[in-house]
Amino acid sequence: MIYMILTVTLNPTIDISYYIPNLVPGNVIRVQEKAEHAGGKGINVAKVAKLLKQNVIATGFLGGSNGDFINSSLIKAGIISSFVMVEEQTRTCISVNDMSNGKQTELLEAGSVATEEMQDRFVDHYCELLEDCEYVVLAGSVPPGIDTSFYPKLIKLAKSANKFVVLDTSDKLLKASIDLCPEDINIIKPNRDELSVCLGRTIKTLEETISAAKEIQRRGIQTVIVSLGKDGAIFVTEDEVYRGTTPDIKIVNTVGCGDSLVAGYVTGIIRKYSFEDRIKLAMAVSTANALSREIGSFKKSDLDDLLNKVTAIKL
């Protein structure tokens, strides 16, 4: 059986969301609501892709009781959970949601150290999983102990197995991958700040963003998607530049929107959608995630409504 998408989350987390009436530093604050979900960028991609009816395998490192929680959560969602199990406890990340103004404050743990032995075990397992997929999504941060050469290694292994490779990471990890193996990457999804790090210059305007995306695309990457937050996203290929936009909404949650965009865009490719329709699906799924309190989730009714409201404009 071929599982279409393999998501790699080397530094997964339990995402804990606290909802409070008003965030005042230094005060005792009572939590009104609390939610816990399996998280990490690749896991979020897996959850959204599964909601879009795609077959998904999720892998990475898991450990301790937190790892058990994530594993059972993924299985319950119908995702094939095939992680390398380790002794170290999987990290926890906290999102504090201020209900008075809609702002989120995130507290992100670094994660436990991944030893060379753990990394070797993961590479062996990853190579086995590549046989059962067609698309590979490498997403998120890496735990301490893993250096910037690890993602390029995984990218080259996937490409040598003729897989479609999507990379969604940041800063030095992204820059190293673009520098070392751009022609092996099909899609990257940086934001403006991450583009600035990769190119060593400040990028602010829309024109600068498009120019920077084109510069990176010309190195050999098939598609560069630049997230612009509430202003949508830019999609750049060798021949075309599009801007995806979304309607004004009351945002409930911003965490996981970029991951949802990736899941939507890859799903569009699998379904053989046109470039424009891939963009619309990606933007609609991303926006639907922003309407859900659960990270990496959406309501079908929200998605159906948003598909008629998002736009894909050729520039």
C-alpha atoms as a PDB file:
ATOM      1  CA  MET A   1       0.000   0.000   0.000  1.00  0.00           C
ATOM      2  CA  ILE A   2       1.330   3.441  -0.948  1.00  0.00           C
ATOM      3  CA  TYR A   3       0.911   6.161   1.657  1.00  0.00           C
ATOM      4  CA  MET A   4       1.006   9.373  -0.277  1.00  0.00           C
ATOM      5  CA  ILE A   5       2.565  11.740   2.287  1.00  0.00           C
ATOM      6  CA  LEU A   6       5.362  11.205   4.822  1.00  0.00           C
ATOM      7  CA  THR A   7       5.709  14.012   7.355  1.00  0.00           C
ATOM      8  CA  VAL A   8       8.902  14.364   9.395  1.00  0.00           C
ATOM      9  CA  THR A   9       8.759  16.090  12.778  1.00  0.00           C
ATOM     10  CA  LEU A  10      12.130  15.763  14.475  1.00  0.00           C
ATOM     11  CA  ASN A  11      11.116  17.981  17.398  1.00  0.00           C
ATOM     12  CA  PRO A  12       7.440  17.249  18.121  1.00  0.00           C
ATOM     13  CA  THR A  13       5.571  18.687  21.062  1.00  0.00           C
ATOM     14  CA  ILE A  14       2.434  18.611  23.097  1.00  0.00           C
ATOM     15  CA  ASP A  15       0.843  21.966  22.355  1.00  0.00           C
ATOM     16  CA  ILE A  16      -0.917  23.298  25.459  1.00  0.00           C
ATOM     17  CA  SER A  17      -3.227  26.236  24.860  1.00  0.00           C
ATOM     18  CA  TYR A  18      -4.337  28.404  27.776  1.00  0.00           C
ATOM     19  CA  TYR A  19      -7.220  30.834  27.294  1.00  0.00           C
ATOM     20  CA  ILE A  20      -7.208  33.708  29.776  1.00  0.00           C
ATOM     21  CA  PRO A  21      -9.339  36.863  30.126  1.00  0.00           C
ATOM     22  CA  ASN A  22      -6.420  39.296  30.174  1.00  0.00           C
ATOM     23  CA  LEU A  23      -2.632  38.831  30.186  1.00  0.00           C
ATOM     24  CA  VAL A  24      -1.043  41.157  32.755  1.00  0.00           C
ATOM     25  CA  PRO A  25       2.636  40.338  33.456  1.00  0.00           C
ATOM     26  CA  GLY A  26       3.339  39.874  37.141  1.00  0.00           C
ATOM     27  CA  ASN A  27      -0.286  39.141  38.054  1.00  0.00           C
ATOM     28  CA  VAL A  28      -1.886  35.874  39.153  1.00  0.00           C
ATOM     29  CA  ILE A  29      -4.054  34.866  36.184  1.00  0.00           C
ATOM     30  CA  ARG A  30      -6.751  32.210  36.248  1.00  0.00           C
ATOM     31  CA  VAL A  31      -7.069  30.049  33.161  1.00  0.00           C
ATOM     32  CA  GLN A  32     -10.586  29.883  31.738  1.00  0.00           C
ATOM     33  CA  GLU A  33      -9.928  27.057  29.281  1.00  0.00           C
ATOM     34  CA  LYS A  34      -7.115  24.612  28.546  1.00  0.00           C
ATOM     35  CA  ALA A  35      -6.542  22.361  25.527  1.00  0.00           C
ATOM     36  CA  GLU A  36      -3.795  19.835  24.740  1.00  0.00           C
ATOM     37  CA  HIS A  37      -2.966  18.529  21.274  1.00  0.00           C
ATOM     38  CA  ALA A  38      -0.221  16.637  19.478  1.00  0.00           C
ATOM     39  CA  GLY A  39       1.913  19.253  17.756  1.00  0.00           C
ATOM     40  CA  GLY A  40       5.021  20.202  15.854  1.00  0.00           C
ATOM     41  CA  LYS A  41       4.950  21.489  12.279  1.00  0.00           C
ATOM     42  CA  GLY A  42       5.110  18.128  10.527  1.00  0.00           C
ATOM     43  CA  ILE A  43       2.459  16.660  12.819  1.00  0.00           C
ATOM     44  CA  ASN A  44       0.197  19.631  12.074  1.00  0.00           C
ATOM     45  CA  VAL A  45       0.681  19.005   8.354  1.00  0.00           C
ATOM     46  CA  ALA A  46      -0.206  15.345   8.890  1.00  0.00           C
ATOM     47  CA  LYS A  47      -3.379  16.172  10.826  1.00  0.00           C
ATOM     48  CA  VAL A  48      -4.633  18.618   8.211  1.00  0.00           C
ATOM     49  CA  ALA A  49      -3.723  16.349   5.295  1.00  0.00           C
ATOM     50  CA  LYS A  50      -5.673  13.538   6.946  1.00  0.00           C
ATOM     51  CA  LEU A  51      -8.705  15.813   7.318  1.00  0.00           C
ATOM     52  CA  LEU A  52      -8.345  16.421   3.581  1.00  0.00           C
ATOM     53  CA  LYS A  53      -8.658  12.647   3.071  1.00  0.00           C
ATOM     54  CA  GLN A  54      -4.997  11.991   2.284  1.00  0.00           C
ATOM     55  CA  ASN A  55      -3.069   8.930   3.441  1.00  0.00           C
ATOM     56  CA  VAL A  56      -0.324  10.040   5.818  1.00  0.00           C
ATOM     57  CA  ILE A  57       2.600   8.525   7.705  1.00  0.00           C
ATOM     58  CA  ALA A  58       4.068  10.666  10.492  1.00  0.00           C
ATOM     59  CA  THR A  59       7.596  10.103  11.796  1.00  0.00           C
ATOM     60  CA  GLY A  60      10.287  11.722  13.923  1.00  0.00           C
ATOM     61  CA  PHE A  61      11.349  11.189  17.540  1.00  0.00           C
ATOM     62  CA  LEU A  62       8.980  10.495  20.447  1.00  0.00           C
ATOM     63  CA  GLY A  63       9.757   9.800  24.097  1.00  0.00           C
ATOM     64  CA  GLY A  64       8.220   9.473  27.527  1.00  0.00           C
ATOM     65  CA  SER A  65       4.597   9.972  28.513  1.00  0.00           C
ATOM     66  CA  ASN A  66       4.364  12.982  26.197  1.00  0.00           C
ATOM     67  CA  GLY A  67       5.442  10.777  23.323  1.00  0.00           C
ATOM     68  CA  ASP A  68       2.808   8.207  24.262  1.00  0.00           C
ATOM     69  CA  PHE A  69       0.150  10.930  24.224  1.00  0.00           C
ATOM     70  CA  ILE A  70       1.194  12.108  20.756  1.00  0.00           C
ATOM     71  CA  ASN A  71       1.380   8.568  19.388  1.00  0.00           C
ATOM     72  CA  SER A  72      -2.115   7.682  20.609  1.00  0.00           C
ATOM     73  CA  SER A  73      -3.510  11.016  19.369  1.00  0.00           C
ATOM     74  CA  LEU A  74      -2.216  10.395  15.852  1.00  0.00           C
ATOM     75  CA  ILE A  75      -3.516   6.841  15.759  1.00  0.00           C
ATOM     76  CA  LYS A  76      -6.925   8.080  16.925  1.00  0.00           C
ATOM     77  CA  ALA A  77      -6.892  10.585  14.034  1.00  0.00           C
ATOM     78  CA  GLY A  78      -6.276   7.798  11.539  1.00  0.00           C
ATOM     79  CA  ILE A  79      -2.663   8.755  10.854  1.00  0.00           C
ATOM     80  CA  ILE A  80       0.023   6.066  10.562  1.00  0.00           C
ATOM     81  CA  SER A  81       2.328   6.849  13.501  1.00  0.00           C
ATOM     82  CA  SER A  82       5.813   5.459  12.865  1.00  0.00           C
ATOM     83  CA  PHE A  83       8.207   7.326  15.150  1.00  0.00           C
ATOM     84  CA  VAL A  84      11.594   6.358  16.527  1.00  0.00           C
ATOM     85  CA  MET A  85      10.987   5.891  20.247  1.00  0.00           C
ATOM     86  CA  VAL A  86      13.623   7.294  22.617  1.00  0.00           C
ATOM     87  CA  GLU A  87      14.060   7.576  26.379  1.00  0.00           C
ATOM     88  CA  GLU A  88      14.094  11.386  26.464  1.00  0.00           C
ATOM     89  CA  GLN A  89      10.798  13.123  27.180  1.00  0.00           C
ATOM     90  CA  THR A  90       9.151  14.843  24.210  1.00  0.00           C
ATOM     91  CA  ARG A  91       8.885  18.579  24.812  1.00  0.00           C
ATOM     92  CA  THR A  92       5.893  20.743  25.679  1.00  0.00           C
ATOM     93  CA  CYS A  93       5.053  24.129  24.174  1.00  0.00           C
ATOM     94  CA  ILE A  94       2.560  26.581  25.626  1.00  0.00           C
ATOM     95  CA  SER A  95       0.356  29.115  23.879  1.00  0.00           C
ATOM     96  CA  VAL A  96      -1.208  31.789  26.101  1.00  0.00           C
ATOM     97  CA  ASN A  97      -4.271  33.243  24.395  1.00  0.00           C
ATOM     98  CA  ASP A  98      -5.362  36.658  25.647  1.00  0.00           C
ATOM     99  CA  MET A  99      -9.115  36.763  25.035  1.00  0.00           C
ATOM    100  CA  SER A 100      -9.268  40.527  25.569  1.00  0.00           C
ATOM    101  CA  ASN A 101      -7.308  41.338  22.424  1.00  0.00           C
ATOM    102  CA  GLY A 102      -6.863  38.055  20.513  1.00  0.00           C
ATOM    103  CA  LYS A 103      -3.067  38.047  20.930  1.00  0.00           C
ATOM    104  CA  GLN A 104      -1.061  34.874  21.487  1.00  0.00           C
ATOM    105  CA  THR A 105       2.135  34.472  23.488  1.00  0.00           C
ATOM    106  CA  GLU A 106       4.082  31.281  22.785  1.00  0.00           C
ATOM    107  CA  LEU A 107       6.548  29.562  25.145  1.00  0.00           C
ATOM    108  CA  LEU A 108       8.568  26.989  23.194  1.00  0.00           C
ATOM    109  CA  GLU A 109      10.819  24.402  24.833  1.00  0.00           C
ATOM    110  CA  ALA A 110      13.986  23.470  22.938  1.00  0.00           C
ATOM    111  CA  GLY A 111      13.517  19.716  23.277  1.00  0.00           C
ATOM    112  CA  SER A 112      15.838  16.963  24.551  1.00  0.00           C
ATOM    113  CA  VAL A 113      19.245  16.259  23.004  1.00  0.00           C
ATOM    114  CA  ALA A 114      19.267  13.873  20.033  1.00  0.00           C
ATOM    115  CA  THR A 115      22.428  11.764  20.211  1.00  0.00           C
ATOM    116  CA  GLU A 116      24.325  10.478  17.171  1.00  0.00           C
ATOM    117  CA  GLU A 117      22.971   6.987  17.886  1.00  0.00           C
ATOM    118  CA  MET A 118      19.402   8.345  17.824  1.00  0.00           C
ATOM    119  CA  GLN A 119      20.083  10.172  14.579  1.00  0.00           C
ATOM    120  CA  ASP A 120      21.521   7.040  12.950  1.00  0.00           C
ATOM    121  CA  ARG A 121      18.474   5.034  14.012  1.00  0.00           C
ATOM    122  CA  PHE A 122      16.185   7.672  12.581  1.00  0.00           C
ATOM    123  CA  VAL A 123      17.971   7.759   9.213  1.00  0.00           C
ATOM    124  CA  ASP A 124      17.661   3.972   8.890  1.00  0.00           C
ATOM    125  CA  HIS A 125      13.941   4.134   9.760  1.00  0.00           C
ATOM    126  CA  TYR A 126      13.381   7.098   7.422  1.00  0.00           C
ATOM    127  CA  CYS A 127      14.911   5.221   4.482  1.00  0.00           C
ATOM    128  CA  GLU A 128      12.514   2.341   5.099  1.00  0.00           C
ATOM    129  CA  LEU A 129       9.516   4.690   5.230  1.00  0.00           C
ATOM    130  CA  LEU A 130      10.495   6.341   1.951  1.00  0.00           C
ATOM    131  CA  GLU A 131       9.481   3.144   0.198  1.00  0.00           C
ATOM    132  CA  ASP A 132       5.842   3.715   1.194  1.00  0.00           C
ATOM    133  CA  CYS A 133       5.380   7.357   0.204  1.00  0.00           C
ATOM    134  CA  GLU A 134       5.471   9.701  -2.746  1.00  0.00           C
ATOM    135  CA  TYR A 135       5.650  13.077  -0.995  1.00  0.00           C
ATOM    136  CA  VAL A 136       7.969  13.985   1.899  1.00  0.00           C
ATOM    137  CA  VAL A 137       7.341  17.020   4.124  1.00  0.00           C
ATOM    138  CA  LEU A 138      10.271  17.958   6.369  1.00  0.00           C
ATOM    139  CA  ALA A 139       9.010  20.529   8.822  1.00  0.00           C
ATOM    140  CA  GLY A 140       9.936  22.460  11.921  1.00  0.00           C
ATOM    141  CA  SER A 141      12.866  22.857  14.254  1.00  0.00           C
ATOM    142  CA  VAL A 142      15.330  20.165  15.265  1.00  0.00           C
ATOM    143  CA  PRO A 143      16.229  19.146  18.816  1.00  0.00           C
ATOM    144  CA  PRO A 144      19.605  20.027  20.356  1.00  0.00           C
ATOM    145  CA  GLY A 145      22.353  17.751  19.041  1.00  0.00           C
ATOM    146  CA  ILE A 146      21.217  17.883  15.418  1.00  0.00           C
ATOM    147  CA  ASP A 147      23.168  20.292  13.209  1.00  0.00           C
ATOM    148  CA  THR A 148      22.331  22.088   9.984  1.00  0.00           C
ATOM    149  CA  SER A 149      23.580  19.235   7.786  1.00  0.00           C
ATOM    150  CA  PHE A 150      20.782  16.873   8.859  1.00  0.00           C
ATOM    151  CA  TYR A 151      17.939  18.258   6.767  1.00  0.00           C
ATOM    152  CA  PRO A 152      20.112  18.329   3.597  1.00  0.00           C
ATOM    153  CA  LYS A 153      20.968  14.680   4.297  1.00  0.00           C
ATOM    154  CA  LEU A 154      17.277  13.739   4.548  1.00  0.00           C
ATOM    155  CA  ILE A 155      16.461  15.794   1.444  1.00  0.00           C
ATOM    156  CA  LYS A 156      19.133  14.055  -0.639  1.00  0.00           C
ATOM    157  CA  LEU A 157      17.993  10.623   0.538  1.00  0.00           C
ATOM    158  CA  ALA A 158      14.407  11.419  -0.428  1.00  0.00           C
ATOM    159  CA  LYS A 159      15.385  12.810  -3.809  1.00  0.00           C
ATOM    160  CA  SER A 160      17.599   9.825  -4.556  1.00  0.00           C
ATOM    161  CA  ALA A 161      14.465   7.715  -3.980  1.00  0.00           C
ATOM    162  CA  ASN A 162      12.575   9.951  -6.474  1.00  0.00           C
ATOM    163  CA  LYS A 163      10.305  11.550  -3.898  1.00  0.00           C
ATOM    164  CA  PHE A 164       8.655  14.983  -4.034  1.00  0.00           C
ATOM    165  CA  VAL A 165      10.298  17.034  -1.255  1.00  0.00           C
ATOM    166  CA  VAL A 166       8.739  19.900   0.722  1.00  0.00           C
ATOM    167  CA  LEU A 167      10.836  21.793   3.284  1.00  0.00           C
ATOM    168  CA  ASP A 168       9.274  24.089   5.883  1.00  0.00           C
ATOM    169  CA  THR A 169      11.864  25.156   8.415  1.00  0.00           C
ATOM    170  CA  SER A 170      13.615  28.392   9.353  1.00  0.00           C
ATOM    171  CA  ASP A 171      16.805  30.377   9.736  1.00  0.00           C
ATOM    172  CA  LYS A 172      20.084  28.387   9.653  1.00  0.00           C
ATOM    173  CA  LEU A 173      18.328  25.096   8.904  1.00  0.00           C
ATOM    174  CA  LEU A 174      16.601  26.600   5.882  1.00  0.00           C
ATOM    175  CA  LYS A 175      19.666  28.463   4.677  1.00  0.00           C
ATOM    176  CA  ALA A 176      21.881  25.363   4.871  1.00  0.00           C
ATOM    177  CA  SER A 177      19.380  23.313   2.874  1.00  0.00           C
ATOM    178  CA  ILE A 178      19.033  25.982   0.185  1.00  0.00           C
ATOM    179  CA  ASP A 179      22.815  26.398  -0.004  1.00  0.00           C
ATOM    180  CA  LEU A 180      23.627  22.676  -0.118  1.00  0.00           C
ATOM    181  CA  CYS A 181      20.879  21.053  -2.188  1.00  0.00           C
ATOM    182  CA  PRO A 182      18.409  23.507  -3.778  1.00  0.00           C
ATOM    183  CA  GLU A 183      17.820  21.347  -6.859  1.00  0.00           C
ATOM    184  CA  ASP A 184      16.654  18.480  -4.622  1.00  0.00           C
ATOM    185  CA  ILE A 185      13.866  20.553  -3.034  1.00  0.00           C
ATOM    186  CA  ASN A 186      10.500  20.926  -4.750  1.00  0.00           C
ATOM    187  CA  ILE A 187       8.900  23.433  -2.367  1.00  0.00           C
ATOM    188  CA  ILE A 188      10.005  25.708   0.465  1.00  0.00           C
ATOM    189  CA  LYS A 189       7.712  27.922   2.561  1.00  0.00           C
ATOM    190  CA  PRO A 190       9.613  30.687   4.335  1.00  0.00           C
ATOM    191  CA  ASN A 191       8.178  33.918   5.669  1.00  0.00           C
ATOM    192  CA  ARG A 192       9.679  37.337   5.011  1.00  0.00           C
ATOM    193  CA  ASP A 193      12.038  37.222   7.992  1.00  0.00           C
ATOM    194  CA  GLU A 194      13.311  33.789   6.986  1.00  0.00           C
ATOM    195  CA  LEU A 195      13.928  35.029   3.447  1.00  0.00           C
ATOM    196  CA  SER A 196      15.970  37.860   4.945  1.00  0.00           C
ATOM    197  CA  VAL A 197      18.139  35.374   6.869  1.00  0.00           C
ATOM    198  CA  CYS A 198      18.700  33.234   3.778  1.00  0.00           C
ATOM    199  CA  LEU A 199      19.753  36.156   1.600  1.00  0.00           C
ATOM    200  CA  GLY A 200      21.515  38.262   4.222  1.00  0.00           C
ATOM    201  CA  ARG A 201      19.466  41.384   3.643  1.00  0.00           C
ATOM    202  CA  THR A 202      16.301  42.963   5.027  1.00  0.00           C
ATOM    203  CA  ILE A 203      13.182  42.275   2.996  1.00  0.00           C
ATOM    204  CA  LYS A 204      10.146  44.410   3.737  1.00  0.00           C
ATOM    205  CA  THR A 205       8.040  45.364   0.709  1.00  0.00           C
ATOM    206  CA  LEU A 206       5.975  43.124  -1.541  1.00  0.00           C
ATOM    207  CA  GLU A 207       8.280  43.906  -4.461  1.00  0.00           C
ATOM    208  CA  GLU A 208      11.350  42.959  -2.409  1.00  0.00           C
ATOM    209  CA  THR A 209       9.630  39.759  -1.315  1.00  0.00           C
ATOM    210  CA  ILE A 210       8.837  38.703  -4.877  1.00  0.00           C
ATOM    211  CA  SER A 211      12.362  39.537  -6.033  1.00  0.00           C
ATOM    212  CA  ALA A 212      13.885  37.537  -3.171  1.00  0.00           C
ATOM    213  CA  ALA A 213      11.618  34.559  -3.831  1.00  0.00           C
ATOM    214  CA  LYS A 214      12.576  34.602  -7.519  1.00  0.00           C
ATOM    215  CA  GLU A 215      16.256  34.758  -6.590  1.00  0.00           C
ATOM    216  CA  ILE A 216      15.972  31.639  -4.460  1.00  0.00           C
ATOM    217  CA  GLN A 217      13.732  29.851  -6.964  1.00  0.00           C
ATOM    218  CA  ARG A 218      16.346  30.323  -9.675  1.00  0.00           C
ATOM    219  CA  ARG A 219      18.768  28.213  -7.627  1.00  0.00           C
ATOM    220  CA  GLY A 220      16.699  25.201  -8.616  1.00  0.00           C
ATOM    221  CA  ILE A 221      13.752  25.017  -6.200  1.00  0.00           C
ATOM    222  CA  GLN A 222      10.540  24.320  -8.094  1.00  0.00           C
ATOM    223  CA  THR A 223       8.179  26.487  -6.008  1.00  0.00           C
ATOM    224  CA  VAL A 224       8.842  29.131  -3.353  1.00  0.00           C
ATOM    225  CA  ILE A 225       5.855  30.000  -1.158  1.00  0.00           C
ATOM    226  CA  VAL A 226       6.328  33.054   1.030  1.00  0.00           C
ATOM    227  CA  SER A 227       3.912  33.431   3.925  1.00  0.00           C
ATOM    228  CA  LEU A 228       2.767  37.015   4.538  1.00  0.00           C
ATOM    229  CA  GLY A 229       0.598  36.349   7.595  1.00  0.00           C
ATOM    230  CA  LYS A 230      -2.761  38.094   7.414  1.00  0.00           C
ATOM    231  CA  ASP A 231      -1.745  39.504   4.025  1.00  0.00           C
ATOM    232  CA  GLY A 232      -1.793  36.059   2.408  1.00  0.00           C
ATOM    233  CA  ALA A 233       1.109  34.444   0.587  1.00  0.00           C
ATOM    234  CA  ILE A 234       3.230  34.717  -2.551  1.00  0.00           C
ATOM    235  CA  PHE A 235       3.666  31.669  -4.803  1.00  0.00           C
ATOM    236  CA  VAL A 236       6.646  31.766  -7.163  1.00  0.00           C
ATOM    237  CA  THR A 237       7.608  29.231  -9.845  1.00  0.00           C
ATOM    238  CA  GLU A 238       9.959  29.529 -12.804  1.00  0.00           C
ATOM    239  CA  ASP A 239       7.175  30.888 -15.009  1.00  0.00           C
ATOM    240  CA  GLU A 240       4.543  32.385 -12.711  1.00  0.00           C
ATOM    241  CA  VAL A 241       4.004  34.593  -9.669  1.00  0.00           C
ATOM    242  CA  TYR A 242       0.684  34.526  -7.808  1.00  0.00           C
ATOM    243  CA  ARG A 243      -0.577  36.138  -4.665  1.00  0.00           C
ATOM    244  CA  GLY A 244      -3.064  34.249  -2.521  1.00  0.00           C
ATOM    245  CA  THR A 245      -5.346  36.393  -0.386  1.00  0.00           C
ATOM    246  CA  THR A 246      -7.936  35.646   2.270  1.00  0.00           C
ATOM    247  CA  PRO A 247     -11.022  37.478   3.570  1.00  0.00           C
ATOM    248  CA  ASP A 248     -10.965  39.405   6.818  1.00  0.00           C
ATOM    249  CA  ILE A 249     -11.916  37.069   9.649  1.00  0.00           C
ATOM    250  CA  LYS A 250     -11.953  37.097  13.420  1.00  0.00           C
ATOM    251  CA  ILE A 251      -8.841  35.029  14.134  1.00  0.00           C
ATOM    252  CA  VAL A 252      -9.179  32.436  16.872  1.00  0.00           C
ATOM    253  CA  ASN A 253      -5.760  30.812  16.515  1.00  0.00           C
ATOM    254  CA  THR A 254      -2.688  31.543  14.386  1.00  0.00           C
ATOM    255  CA  VAL A 255      -0.610  28.477  15.304  1.00  0.00           C
ATOM    256  CA  GLY A 256      -0.578  25.875  12.537  1.00  0.00           C
ATOM    257  CA  CYS A 257      -1.829  28.145   9.750  1.00  0.00           C
ATOM    258  CA  GLY A 258       1.396  27.797   7.758  1.00  0.00           C
ATOM    259  CA  ASP A 259       1.362  24.034   8.258  1.00  0.00           C
ATOM    260  CA  SER A 260      -2.240  23.923   7.049  1.00  0.00           C
ATOM    261  CA  LEU A 261      -1.208  25.882   3.964  1.00  0.00           C
ATOM    262  CA  VAL A 262       1.439  23.260   3.180  1.00  0.00           C
ATOM    263  CA  ALA A 263      -1.037  20.410   3.637  1.00  0.00           C
ATOM    264  CA  GLY A 264      -3.553  22.147   1.392  1.00  0.00           C
ATOM    265  CA  TYR A 265      -1.047  22.895  -1.347  1.00  0.00           C
ATOM    266  CA  VAL A 266       0.374  19.351  -1.412  1.00  0.00           C
ATOM    267  CA  THR A 267      -3.162  17.957  -1.462  1.00  0.00           C
ATOM    268  CA  GLY A 268      -3.861  20.149  -4.480  1.00  0.00           C
ATOM    269  CA  ILE A 269      -0.846  18.650  -6.242  1.00  0.00           C
ATOM    270  CA  ILE A 270      -1.978  15.105  -5.432  1.00  0.00           C
ATOM    271  CA  ARG A 271      -5.450  15.908  -6.775  1.00  0.00           C
ATOM    272  CA  LYS A 272      -3.856  17.338  -9.938  1.00  0.00           C
ATOM    273  CA  TYR A 273      -5.382  20.777  -9.408  1.00  0.00           C
ATOM    274  CA  SER A 274      -4.278  23.710 -11.518  1.00  0.00           C
ATOM    275  CA  PHE A 275      -1.722  26.086  -9.976  1.00  0.00           C
ATOM    276  CA  GLU A 276      -4.478  28.598  -9.231  1.00  0.00           C
ATOM    277  CA  ASP A 277      -6.748  26.025  -7.594  1.00  0.00           C
ATOM    278  CA  ARG A 278      -3.870  24.653  -5.493  1.00  0.00           C
ATOM    279  CA  ILE A 279      -3.314  28.165  -4.171  1.00  0.00           C
ATOM    280  CA  LYS A 280      -7.003  28.621  -3.374  1.00  0.00           C
ATOM    281  CA  LEU A 281      -7.172  25.335  -1.493  1.00  0.00           C
ATOM    282  CA  ALA A 282      -3.997  26.168   0.436  1.00  0.00           C
ATOM    283  CA  MET A 283      -5.253  29.626   1.414  1.00  0.00           C
ATOM    284  CA  ALA A 284      -8.711  28.353   2.366  1.00  0.00           C
ATOM    285  CA  VAL A 285      -7.333  25.543   4.561  1.00  0.00           C
ATOM    286  CA  SER A 286      -4.875  27.904   6.233  1.00  0.00           C
ATOM    287  CA  THR A 287      -7.637  30.404   7.006  1.00  0.00           C
ATOM    288  CA  ALA A 288      -9.988  27.672   8.212  1.00  0.00           C
ATOM    289  CA  ASN A 289      -7.299  26.631  10.718  1.00  0.00           C
ATOM    290  CA  ALA A 290      -7.267  30.210  12.024  1.00  0.00           C
ATOM    291  CA  LEU A 291     -10.971  29.818  12.834  1.00  0.00           C
ATOM    292  CA  SER A 292     -10.359  26.690  14.928  1.00  0.00           C
ATOM    293  CA  ARG A 293      -9.073  26.560  18.489  1.00  0.00           C
ATOM    294  CA  GLU A 294      -7.502  23.190  17.778  1.00  0.00           C
ATOM    295  CA  ILE A 295      -4.087  23.522  16.140  1.00  0.00           C
ATOM    296  CA  GLY A 296      -3.837  21.787  12.778  1.00  0.00           C
ATOM    297  CA  SER A 297      -7.578  21.426  12.350  1.00  0.00           C
ATOM    298  CA  PHE A 298     -10.548  22.959  10.567  1.00  0.00           C
ATOM    299  CA  LYS A 299     -14.282  22.576  10.134  1.00  0.00           C
ATOM    300  CA  LYS A 300     -15.431  21.378   6.725  1.00  0.00           C
ATOM    301  CA  SER A 301     -18.172  24.032   6.695  1.00  0.00           C
ATOM    302  CA  ASP A 302     -15.539  26.766   7.207  1.00  0.00           C
ATOM    303  CA  LEU A 303     -13.381  25.336   4.411  1.00  0.00           C
ATOM    304  CA  ASP A 304     -16.296  25.105   1.990  1.00  0.00           C
ATOM    305  CA  ASP A 305     -17.271  28.714   2.730  1.00  0.00           C
ATOM    306  CA  LEU A 306     -13.718  30.038   2.409  1.00  0.00           C
ATOM    307  CA  LEU A 307     -13.079  28.311  -0.923  1.00  0.00           C
ATOM    308  CA  ASN A 308     -15.532  30.836  -2.405  1.00  0.00           C
ATOM    309  CA  LYS A 309     -13.838  33.800  -0.732  1.00  0.00           C
ATOM    310  CA  VAL A 310     -10.095  33.313  -1.163  1.00  0.00           C
ATOM    311  CA  THR A 311      -8.397  34.564  -4.308  1.00  0.00           C
ATOM    312  CA  ALA A 312      -5.367  33.644  -6.419  1.00  0.00           C
ATOM    313  CA  ILE A 313      -4.188  36.709  -8.325  1.00  0.00           C
ATOM    314  CA  LYS A 314      -1.552  36.459 -11.045  1.00  0.00           C
ATOM    315  CA  LEU A 315       1.084  39.198 -10.707  1.00  0.00           C
END
